[in-house]
N, C-alpha and C. Protein backbone atom coordinates (compact mmCIF):
# COMPACT_ATOMS: atom_id res chain seq x y z
N MET A 1 105.40 -42.92 138.39
CA MET A 1 105.01 -41.86 138.88
C MET A 1 105.66 -40.63 138.35
N PRO A 2 105.31 -40.23 137.40
CA PRO A 2 105.69 -39.00 136.33
C PRO A 2 106.54 -37.81 137.60
N VAL A 3 107.07 -36.91 137.03
CA VAL A 3 108.06 -35.86 138.17
C VAL A 3 107.10 -35.20 137.28
N ASP A 4 106.85 -33.44 137.66
CA ASP A 4 106.19 -32.49 137.37
C ASP A 4 107.56 -31.52 137.36
N ARG A 5 107.70 -30.91 136.07
CA ARG A 5 109.37 -30.08 135.63
C ARG A 5 108.62 -29.45 135.97
N PRO A 6 109.46 -28.10 135.98
CA PRO A 6 108.57 -26.76 135.60
C PRO A 6 108.66 -26.43 134.44
N THR A 7 107.76 -25.46 133.54
CA THR A 7 107.87 -25.84 132.14
C THR A 7 108.60 -24.05 131.92
N SER A 8 109.06 -23.48 130.96
CA SER A 8 109.54 -22.67 130.89
C SER A 8 109.42 -22.26 129.02
N PRO A 9 108.59 -20.72 129.34
CA PRO A 9 108.07 -20.75 127.34
C PRO A 9 109.82 -20.75 126.40
N THR A 10 110.51 -20.53 127.37
CA THR A 10 111.80 -19.73 127.23
C THR A 10 112.94 -21.07 126.84
N GLU A 11 114.05 -20.95 127.00
CA GLU A 11 115.24 -21.96 126.66
C GLU A 11 115.20 -22.97 128.08
N PRO A 12 115.83 -24.17 127.66
CA PRO A 12 115.57 -25.16 128.91
C PRO A 12 116.94 -25.12 129.32
N GLN A 13 116.56 -25.34 131.04
CA GLN A 13 117.48 -25.34 131.78
C GLN A 13 118.62 -25.65 131.09
N PRO A 14 119.62 -25.54 131.99
CA PRO A 14 120.95 -26.30 131.52
C PRO A 14 121.09 -27.77 131.97
N LEU A 15 120.82 -28.44 133.12
CA LEU A 15 120.76 -30.18 132.87
C LEU A 15 119.54 -30.36 132.18
N GLU A 16 118.55 -29.81 131.56
CA GLU A 16 117.61 -30.51 130.65
C GLU A 16 117.90 -30.42 129.39
N ARG A 17 119.05 -29.07 129.01
CA ARG A 17 119.73 -28.87 127.78
C ARG A 17 120.92 -29.99 127.88
N LEU A 18 121.65 -30.32 128.78
CA LEU A 18 122.39 -30.96 128.88
C LEU A 18 121.99 -33.04 128.46
N LEU A 19 120.90 -33.46 128.86
CA LEU A 19 119.85 -34.12 128.97
C LEU A 19 120.12 -34.68 127.74
N GLU A 20 119.49 -33.37 127.04
CA GLU A 20 118.80 -33.83 125.27
C GLU A 20 120.33 -33.88 124.53
N VAL A 21 121.70 -32.77 124.92
CA VAL A 21 122.55 -33.29 124.35
C VAL A 21 123.12 -34.70 124.41
N SER A 22 123.28 -35.43 125.58
CA SER A 22 123.36 -36.68 125.93
C SER A 22 122.77 -37.72 125.36
N ARG A 23 121.51 -37.67 124.94
CA ARG A 23 120.40 -38.52 123.94
C ARG A 23 121.24 -38.39 122.35
N THR A 24 121.39 -37.22 122.12
CA THR A 24 121.78 -36.74 120.62
C THR A 24 123.45 -37.56 120.70
N LEU A 25 124.03 -37.47 121.67
CA LEU A 25 125.34 -38.10 121.54
C LEU A 25 125.59 -39.34 121.89
N SER A 26 124.42 -40.11 122.53
CA SER A 26 124.38 -41.58 121.91
C SER A 26 123.83 -42.21 121.12
N SER A 27 123.13 -41.23 120.37
CA SER A 27 122.88 -41.98 118.45
C SER A 27 123.46 -41.38 117.64
N THR A 28 124.47 -40.75 117.93
CA THR A 28 125.47 -40.36 116.60
C THR A 28 126.73 -40.97 116.51
N LEU A 29 126.92 -41.96 115.27
CA LEU A 29 127.96 -42.26 114.94
C LEU A 29 128.90 -41.78 113.94
N ASP A 30 128.89 -41.01 113.23
CA ASP A 30 129.56 -39.52 112.60
C ASP A 30 130.16 -39.14 113.56
N LEU A 31 131.79 -39.14 113.35
CA LEU A 31 132.68 -38.75 114.11
C LEU A 31 132.96 -37.35 114.22
N PRO A 32 132.68 -36.41 112.92
CA PRO A 32 132.67 -35.17 112.42
C PRO A 32 131.27 -34.35 113.08
N GLN A 33 130.51 -34.94 112.75
CA GLN A 33 128.37 -34.05 113.90
C GLN A 33 128.83 -34.58 115.01
N LEU A 34 129.44 -35.91 115.20
CA LEU A 34 129.01 -35.92 116.62
C LEU A 34 130.27 -34.86 117.67
N LEU A 35 131.64 -34.45 117.28
CA LEU A 35 132.81 -33.47 117.45
C LEU A 35 131.73 -32.08 117.72
N GLN A 36 131.17 -32.02 116.82
CA GLN A 36 130.78 -30.28 116.30
C GLN A 36 129.33 -30.29 117.04
N THR A 37 128.72 -31.62 117.34
CA THR A 37 127.78 -31.58 118.45
C THR A 37 128.02 -30.67 119.73
N VAL A 38 128.91 -31.37 119.84
CA VAL A 38 129.37 -31.41 121.33
C VAL A 38 130.30 -29.76 121.81
N VAL A 39 130.63 -29.31 120.51
CA VAL A 39 131.44 -27.70 120.74
C VAL A 39 130.71 -26.87 120.90
N ASP A 40 129.09 -27.16 119.90
CA ASP A 40 128.43 -26.26 119.98
C ASP A 40 128.09 -26.06 120.95
N SER A 41 127.58 -27.41 121.86
CA SER A 41 126.58 -27.72 123.17
C SER A 41 127.51 -27.06 124.30
N ALA A 42 128.77 -27.23 124.23
CA ALA A 42 129.94 -26.84 125.33
C ALA A 42 129.88 -25.19 125.15
N ALA A 43 129.71 -24.74 124.36
CA ALA A 43 129.80 -23.33 123.72
C ALA A 43 128.30 -22.63 124.97
N GLU A 44 127.78 -23.28 124.00
CA GLU A 44 125.68 -22.88 124.52
C GLU A 44 125.92 -22.68 126.43
N LEU A 45 126.22 -24.19 126.59
CA LEU A 45 125.91 -24.31 128.38
C LEU A 45 127.37 -23.89 129.06
N THR A 46 127.96 -23.33 128.75
CA THR A 46 128.89 -22.71 129.15
C THR A 46 129.02 -20.96 129.24
N GLN A 47 127.83 -20.42 128.08
CA GLN A 47 128.03 -19.34 127.36
C GLN A 47 129.35 -18.58 127.15
N SER A 48 129.67 -19.22 126.14
CA SER A 48 130.97 -18.93 126.06
C SER A 48 131.20 -18.35 124.50
N GLU A 49 132.14 -17.61 124.10
CA GLU A 49 131.99 -16.88 122.76
C GLU A 49 132.17 -18.31 122.09
N ALA A 50 132.93 -19.21 122.39
CA ALA A 50 133.70 -20.25 121.51
C ALA A 50 133.98 -21.75 122.48
N ALA A 51 134.02 -22.72 122.17
CA ALA A 51 134.34 -24.06 122.35
C ALA A 51 135.67 -24.92 121.44
N SER A 52 135.92 -25.51 121.74
CA SER A 52 136.95 -26.28 120.84
C SER A 52 137.24 -27.91 121.37
N ILE A 53 137.57 -29.06 120.52
CA ILE A 53 137.80 -30.23 120.94
C ILE A 53 139.45 -30.37 120.25
N LEU A 54 139.80 -30.97 120.59
CA LEU A 54 141.31 -31.22 120.49
C LEU A 54 141.36 -32.98 120.99
N LEU A 55 142.08 -33.18 119.77
CA LEU A 55 142.17 -34.77 120.22
C LEU A 55 143.58 -35.04 120.44
N TYR A 56 144.01 -36.30 121.01
CA TYR A 56 145.29 -36.75 120.94
C TYR A 56 146.20 -37.10 119.67
N ASP A 57 147.07 -36.51 118.73
CA ASP A 57 147.61 -37.26 118.20
C ASP A 57 149.08 -38.05 118.73
N SER A 58 148.58 -39.63 118.49
CA SER A 58 149.98 -40.34 119.06
C SER A 58 151.30 -39.95 117.99
N SER A 59 150.58 -40.33 117.03
CA SER A 59 152.01 -40.10 115.73
C SER A 59 153.14 -38.77 116.21
N ALA A 60 152.10 -37.53 116.26
CA ALA A 60 152.82 -36.58 116.65
C ALA A 60 152.93 -36.33 117.95
N GLY A 61 152.39 -37.10 118.86
CA GLY A 61 152.48 -36.50 120.43
C GLY A 61 152.41 -34.73 120.51
N GLU A 62 151.37 -34.53 120.06
CA GLU A 62 150.66 -33.53 119.71
C GLU A 62 148.91 -33.59 120.12
N LEU A 63 148.53 -32.56 120.59
CA LEU A 63 146.87 -32.15 120.51
C LEU A 63 147.07 -31.74 119.01
N ARG A 64 145.55 -31.68 118.44
CA ARG A 64 145.02 -31.44 117.48
C ARG A 64 143.81 -30.88 117.59
N PHE A 65 143.19 -29.78 117.13
CA PHE A 65 142.02 -29.23 116.67
C PHE A 65 141.25 -30.32 115.92
N GLU A 66 140.34 -30.73 116.25
CA GLU A 66 139.28 -31.86 115.76
C GLU A 66 137.57 -30.88 115.61
N ALA A 67 137.49 -30.09 116.53
CA ALA A 67 136.15 -29.21 116.07
C ALA A 67 136.28 -27.95 116.50
N ALA A 68 135.66 -27.05 116.29
CA ALA A 68 135.67 -25.58 116.89
C ALA A 68 133.69 -25.01 116.90
N SER A 69 133.58 -24.30 117.74
CA SER A 69 132.29 -23.62 117.19
C SER A 69 132.78 -22.21 117.23
N GLY A 70 131.42 -21.05 117.03
CA GLY A 70 132.34 -19.40 116.83
C GLY A 70 132.72 -19.35 115.42
N SER A 71 133.32 -18.04 115.32
CA SER A 71 133.89 -17.97 114.16
C SER A 71 134.91 -18.39 113.80
N GLN A 72 135.48 -19.01 114.10
CA GLN A 72 137.09 -19.76 114.38
C GLN A 72 137.18 -20.89 114.16
N ARG A 73 136.11 -21.24 113.53
CA ARG A 73 136.24 -23.08 113.22
C ARG A 73 137.06 -23.28 112.13
N SER A 74 136.93 -22.52 110.75
CA SER A 74 137.54 -22.97 109.82
C SER A 74 139.01 -23.03 110.14
N GLY A 75 139.96 -22.15 111.18
CA GLY A 75 141.25 -21.73 110.57
C GLY A 75 142.22 -22.76 112.04
N LEU A 76 141.33 -23.66 112.22
CA LEU A 76 142.13 -24.48 113.83
C LEU A 76 142.58 -25.20 113.08
N SER A 77 141.89 -26.08 112.34
CA SER A 77 141.98 -27.14 111.98
C SER A 77 143.81 -27.71 111.39
N ALA A 78 144.26 -26.61 110.80
CA ALA A 78 145.55 -26.65 110.92
C ALA A 78 147.01 -26.17 112.00
N ILE A 79 146.18 -25.79 113.00
CA ILE A 79 146.80 -25.67 113.93
C ILE A 79 147.20 -27.03 115.00
N SER A 80 148.55 -27.62 115.40
CA SER A 80 148.41 -28.05 116.58
C SER A 80 149.15 -27.57 117.88
N VAL A 81 148.51 -28.52 118.80
CA VAL A 81 149.04 -27.52 120.06
C VAL A 81 149.95 -28.53 121.01
N PRO A 82 150.90 -28.19 121.19
CA PRO A 82 152.25 -29.34 121.75
C PRO A 82 151.41 -29.27 123.55
N LEU A 83 152.08 -30.69 124.14
CA LEU A 83 151.46 -30.82 125.81
C LEU A 83 152.41 -30.02 126.59
N ASP A 84 153.31 -29.38 126.29
CA ASP A 84 154.38 -28.92 127.20
C ASP A 84 154.45 -27.54 127.86
N SER A 85 153.42 -26.64 126.95
CA SER A 85 153.32 -25.84 126.81
C SER A 85 152.08 -24.97 126.78
N SER A 86 151.11 -25.38 127.02
CA SER A 86 149.59 -24.84 126.11
C SER A 86 148.94 -25.47 127.73
N ILE A 87 147.62 -24.70 127.76
CA ILE A 87 146.12 -25.33 128.74
C ILE A 87 146.32 -26.47 128.38
N ALA A 88 145.82 -26.74 126.99
CA ALA A 88 145.21 -27.79 126.60
C ALA A 88 146.32 -29.06 127.07
N GLY A 89 147.46 -28.88 126.84
CA GLY A 89 148.60 -29.85 126.82
C GLY A 89 148.55 -29.92 128.60
N TRP A 90 148.28 -29.26 129.38
CA TRP A 90 148.60 -29.26 130.79
C TRP A 90 147.20 -30.06 130.97
N VAL A 91 145.92 -29.79 130.70
CA VAL A 91 144.72 -30.62 131.06
C VAL A 91 144.80 -31.61 130.53
N PHE A 92 145.26 -31.71 129.56
CA PHE A 92 145.83 -33.44 129.22
C PHE A 92 147.10 -34.03 129.29
N THR A 93 148.05 -33.96 129.75
CA THR A 93 148.93 -34.72 130.95
C THR A 93 148.49 -34.49 132.29
N HIS A 94 147.97 -33.63 132.80
CA HIS A 94 146.95 -34.14 133.91
C HIS A 94 146.24 -34.81 134.51
N THR A 95 145.52 -35.05 133.42
CA THR A 95 143.93 -35.64 133.17
C THR A 95 143.32 -34.91 134.47
N ARG A 96 143.06 -33.31 134.31
CA ARG A 96 142.42 -32.45 135.44
C ARG A 96 141.61 -31.41 134.94
N PRO A 97 140.75 -30.69 134.96
CA PRO A 97 140.58 -29.23 134.50
C PRO A 97 140.96 -28.14 134.82
N ILE A 98 141.02 -27.19 134.47
CA ILE A 98 141.32 -25.87 134.52
C ILE A 98 140.84 -24.63 134.62
N VAL A 99 141.00 -23.79 134.80
CA VAL A 99 140.20 -22.47 135.08
C VAL A 99 141.10 -21.55 134.67
N VAL A 100 141.15 -20.54 133.70
CA VAL A 100 142.30 -19.62 133.34
C VAL A 100 141.15 -18.70 133.54
N GLN A 101 140.67 -17.71 134.32
CA GLN A 101 139.77 -16.39 134.31
C GLN A 101 140.76 -15.42 133.64
N ASP A 102 142.63 -15.05 133.32
CA ASP A 102 142.55 -13.99 133.05
C ASP A 102 144.05 -14.53 131.89
N ALA A 103 143.55 -14.90 131.02
CA ALA A 103 144.42 -15.40 130.07
C ALA A 103 145.55 -14.32 129.71
N SER A 104 145.68 -13.00 129.40
CA SER A 104 146.97 -12.72 129.57
C SER A 104 147.46 -13.12 130.44
N ALA A 105 147.49 -13.15 131.69
CA ALA A 105 148.42 -13.35 132.71
C ALA A 105 149.09 -15.03 132.66
N ASP A 106 148.59 -15.49 132.03
CA ASP A 106 148.94 -17.13 132.09
C ASP A 106 149.84 -17.47 130.94
N PRO A 107 151.55 -17.51 131.54
CA PRO A 107 152.22 -18.01 130.10
C PRO A 107 151.85 -19.72 129.68
N LEU A 108 150.51 -20.39 130.10
CA LEU A 108 150.56 -21.40 129.70
C LEU A 108 149.71 -21.54 128.46
N VAL A 109 149.00 -20.46 128.24
CA VAL A 109 148.26 -19.79 127.03
C VAL A 109 148.67 -19.83 125.93
N TYR A 110 148.20 -20.51 124.80
CA TYR A 110 149.12 -20.65 123.62
C TYR A 110 148.79 -19.99 122.60
N ARG A 111 149.63 -18.73 122.30
CA ARG A 111 149.75 -17.83 122.14
C ARG A 111 149.42 -17.56 120.68
N ARG A 112 149.88 -19.16 119.75
CA ARG A 112 149.95 -19.58 118.40
C ARG A 112 148.13 -19.15 117.79
N VAL A 113 147.81 -19.66 118.79
CA VAL A 113 146.21 -19.66 118.36
C VAL A 113 145.75 -18.51 118.01
N ASP A 114 145.31 -17.71 119.15
CA ASP A 114 145.06 -16.37 118.92
C ASP A 114 145.85 -15.57 117.80
N SER A 115 147.11 -15.48 117.50
CA SER A 115 147.91 -15.08 116.46
C SER A 115 147.22 -15.47 115.04
N ALA A 116 147.38 -16.50 114.98
CA ALA A 116 146.93 -17.38 113.16
C ALA A 116 145.94 -16.72 113.22
N LEU A 117 144.35 -17.05 114.14
CA LEU A 117 143.09 -16.62 113.92
C LEU A 117 142.59 -14.83 114.39
N LYS A 118 143.95 -13.73 114.42
CA LYS A 118 143.61 -12.90 115.16
C LYS A 118 142.35 -13.10 115.91
N PHE A 119 142.17 -13.48 117.30
CA PHE A 119 141.60 -13.85 118.12
C PHE A 119 142.30 -13.44 119.45
N LYS A 120 141.33 -12.88 120.54
CA LYS A 120 141.56 -12.47 121.55
C LYS A 120 140.85 -13.74 122.58
N THR A 121 142.15 -14.72 123.16
CA THR A 121 141.44 -15.31 124.19
C THR A 121 141.55 -14.40 125.51
N ARG A 122 140.77 -14.32 126.95
CA ARG A 122 140.49 -13.70 127.67
C ARG A 122 140.39 -14.84 129.07
N SER A 123 139.69 -15.65 128.68
CA SER A 123 139.56 -16.84 129.44
C SER A 123 139.21 -17.95 129.12
N ILE A 124 139.60 -19.25 129.96
CA ILE A 124 139.44 -20.54 129.06
C ILE A 124 138.73 -21.38 130.47
N LEU A 125 138.18 -22.74 130.14
CA LEU A 125 137.75 -23.71 131.00
C LEU A 125 138.13 -24.74 130.20
N GLY A 126 138.70 -25.97 130.46
CA GLY A 126 139.53 -26.73 130.03
C GLY A 126 139.50 -28.34 130.67
N VAL A 127 138.93 -28.84 130.13
CA VAL A 127 138.28 -30.42 130.76
C VAL A 127 138.65 -31.58 129.94
N PRO A 128 139.17 -32.44 130.44
CA PRO A 128 139.85 -33.55 129.99
C PRO A 128 138.94 -34.83 129.30
N LEU A 129 139.20 -35.29 128.27
CA LEU A 129 138.17 -36.50 127.61
C LEU A 129 138.74 -37.39 127.77
N LEU A 130 138.19 -38.15 129.12
CA LEU A 130 138.43 -39.41 129.46
C LEU A 130 137.73 -40.89 129.23
N ILE A 131 139.05 -42.23 128.74
CA ILE A 131 138.19 -42.75 128.96
C ILE A 131 139.47 -43.59 130.04
N LYS A 132 138.62 -45.05 130.63
CA LYS A 132 139.13 -45.29 131.67
C LYS A 132 140.23 -44.63 131.90
N ARG A 133 139.88 -43.32 132.15
CA ARG A 133 140.86 -42.87 133.06
C ARG A 133 141.98 -42.20 132.28
N GLU A 134 142.08 -42.81 130.95
CA GLU A 134 143.36 -42.01 130.21
C GLU A 134 142.66 -41.02 129.31
N ALA A 135 143.73 -40.09 129.09
CA ALA A 135 142.66 -39.18 128.07
C ALA A 135 142.99 -39.09 126.49
N ILE A 136 142.23 -38.44 126.07
CA ILE A 136 141.97 -38.73 124.43
C ILE A 136 142.34 -37.52 124.07
N GLY A 137 141.69 -36.50 124.90
CA GLY A 137 141.73 -35.13 124.25
C GLY A 137 141.39 -33.95 125.34
N VAL A 138 140.98 -33.05 125.32
CA VAL A 138 140.09 -31.90 126.00
C VAL A 138 139.12 -31.13 124.94
N ILE A 139 138.44 -30.83 126.08
CA ILE A 139 137.44 -29.79 125.57
C ILE A 139 137.46 -28.16 126.04
N GLU A 140 137.84 -27.40 125.49
CA GLU A 140 137.80 -26.05 126.04
C GLU A 140 136.61 -25.17 125.61
N ALA A 141 136.56 -24.36 126.28
CA ALA A 141 135.48 -23.12 126.32
C ALA A 141 136.31 -22.11 126.51
N VAL A 142 136.55 -21.23 125.33
CA VAL A 142 136.97 -19.95 126.07
C VAL A 142 135.94 -18.63 125.61
N ASN A 143 136.31 -17.66 126.58
CA ASN A 143 135.98 -16.55 126.39
C ASN A 143 134.34 -16.57 127.38
N LYS A 144 134.16 -16.60 128.73
CA LYS A 144 132.98 -16.48 129.00
C LYS A 144 132.46 -15.03 129.22
N HIS A 145 131.21 -14.71 128.54
CA HIS A 145 130.79 -13.48 127.86
C HIS A 145 131.20 -12.38 128.64
N PRO A 146 131.07 -11.55 128.13
CA PRO A 146 131.46 -10.37 129.07
C PRO A 146 131.49 -10.04 130.35
N THR A 147 132.38 -9.89 131.49
CA THR A 147 131.88 -9.26 132.57
C THR A 147 131.39 -10.30 133.64
N ARG A 148 132.22 -11.77 132.83
CA ARG A 148 131.73 -12.38 133.83
C ARG A 148 132.90 -14.08 134.15
N ASN A 149 132.95 -14.43 135.53
CA ASN A 149 134.42 -15.38 134.81
C ASN A 149 133.33 -17.11 135.39
N TYR A 150 133.87 -18.01 134.69
CA TYR A 150 133.60 -19.63 134.51
C TYR A 150 133.46 -19.79 136.60
N THR A 151 132.40 -20.21 136.33
CA THR A 151 131.90 -20.88 137.98
C THR A 151 132.20 -22.05 137.92
N GLU A 152 131.46 -22.30 138.90
CA GLU A 152 131.97 -24.14 139.63
C GLU A 152 130.72 -25.03 138.68
N ASP A 153 129.83 -24.49 138.45
CA ASP A 153 128.51 -24.81 137.74
C ASP A 153 129.12 -24.52 135.73
N ASP A 154 129.75 -24.26 135.35
CA ASP A 154 130.44 -23.74 134.28
C ASP A 154 131.58 -25.19 134.11
N LEU A 155 132.04 -25.57 135.46
CA LEU A 155 132.89 -26.49 135.32
C LEU A 155 132.26 -28.03 135.69
N ALA A 156 130.93 -28.21 136.37
CA ALA A 156 130.46 -29.51 136.49
C ALA A 156 130.06 -29.84 134.83
N ILE A 157 129.00 -28.81 134.67
CA ILE A 157 128.50 -29.11 133.61
C ILE A 157 129.33 -29.51 132.12
N LEU A 158 130.87 -28.58 131.80
CA LEU A 158 131.68 -28.94 130.95
C LEU A 158 132.20 -30.05 131.59
N GLU A 159 132.53 -30.59 132.43
CA GLU A 159 132.92 -32.46 132.83
C GLU A 159 131.53 -33.38 132.63
N THR A 160 130.50 -33.01 132.85
CA THR A 160 129.90 -33.77 132.48
C THR A 160 129.69 -34.06 130.82
N LEU A 161 129.84 -32.81 130.03
CA LEU A 161 129.24 -32.76 128.95
C LEU A 161 130.68 -33.87 128.06
N ALA A 162 131.68 -33.59 128.56
CA ALA A 162 133.04 -34.04 128.43
C ALA A 162 132.82 -35.98 128.85
N ALA A 163 132.44 -36.30 130.03
CA ALA A 163 132.11 -37.54 129.84
C ALA A 163 131.17 -38.17 128.82
N GLN A 164 130.55 -37.76 128.77
CA GLN A 164 129.27 -38.12 127.41
C GLN A 164 130.31 -38.51 126.14
N ALA A 165 130.66 -37.24 125.53
CA ALA A 165 131.45 -37.13 124.67
C ALA A 165 132.68 -37.72 124.90
N ALA A 166 133.43 -38.66 125.38
CA ALA A 166 134.40 -39.25 125.41
C ALA A 166 134.30 -40.65 125.28
N ILE A 167 132.92 -40.59 125.81
CA ILE A 167 132.54 -42.40 125.51
C ILE A 167 131.73 -42.33 123.98
N ALA A 168 131.40 -41.23 123.67
CA ALA A 168 130.46 -41.17 122.20
C ALA A 168 131.78 -41.56 121.43
N ILE A 169 132.54 -40.63 121.66
CA ILE A 169 134.04 -40.59 120.70
C ILE A 169 134.30 -41.88 120.41
N GLU A 170 134.75 -42.31 121.84
CA GLU A 170 135.28 -44.13 121.32
C GLU A 170 134.30 -44.99 120.31
N ASN A 171 133.17 -44.45 121.57
CA ASN A 171 132.35 -45.74 120.14
C ASN A 171 132.39 -45.06 119.12
N ALA A 172 132.26 -43.81 118.35
CA ALA A 172 132.07 -43.75 117.03
C ALA A 172 133.52 -44.35 116.57
N ARG A 173 134.59 -44.05 117.02
CA ARG A 173 135.98 -44.67 116.31
C ARG A 173 135.86 -45.87 116.13
N LEU A 174 135.22 -46.73 117.45
CA LEU A 174 135.80 -48.15 117.52
C LEU A 174 134.48 -49.09 116.36
N LEU A 175 133.54 -48.47 116.03
CA LEU A 175 132.59 -48.79 114.95
C LEU A 175 132.88 -47.91 113.73
N SER A 176 133.94 -47.25 113.33
CA SER A 176 134.09 -46.94 112.12
C SER A 176 135.69 -47.78 112.00
N LYS A 177 135.95 -48.44 112.75
CA LYS A 177 136.93 -49.50 112.42
C LYS A 177 136.53 -50.83 111.22
C-alpha cells in the first residue's frame, strides 16, 4: 500500500533530501564527484556556511582536506590537519561526533585553516566517517547560519549522511583498485 506523503511546493524536507542523497551516493563510483556531493549536501542539510571532508593519510599520520563546499574549496587541498591539536583530529581519534557552538573559545579549533583562507570559523559540527567502527576520515559542517546553534537534528542528519558516505567512499576506493 502506498504511503501518503505531504507534498510541498518548496524544498524537500531534510529526511526526504537525505534519502535522495543516499540514492545518489549508492550509484556514484567517481570519488571526487562523490565527495563533492557529500559536502554540498552536508552544508545544505545542516544549514551551514560550508562543509568539508578530511580523509586520513596513513603515510603522513594526518587528515587531509579532500572536498569542501562554499567559497573556501580551492584553498583547502594544500592544508593538512594534525590529529592531536584539531577538532577534526579529536573526532577522528575518538570516533565520536563533536559540536562546538563557539569556536573562538575552543583551543582545539585549528586556526591555521582560518588564517590560510582568511575565513572565520564560528561553529563546527564534526562527525567521523566510520567503516567497521574504524575511522577513515571526518565530515565537518562549519558556521551554522547566523543567530542559530547546531541542534540534535543537525547531528543526527550529519551522522546519517556520514554513515552513507563512508560506505560509498569505501566502495569507490575498492572499485578503483
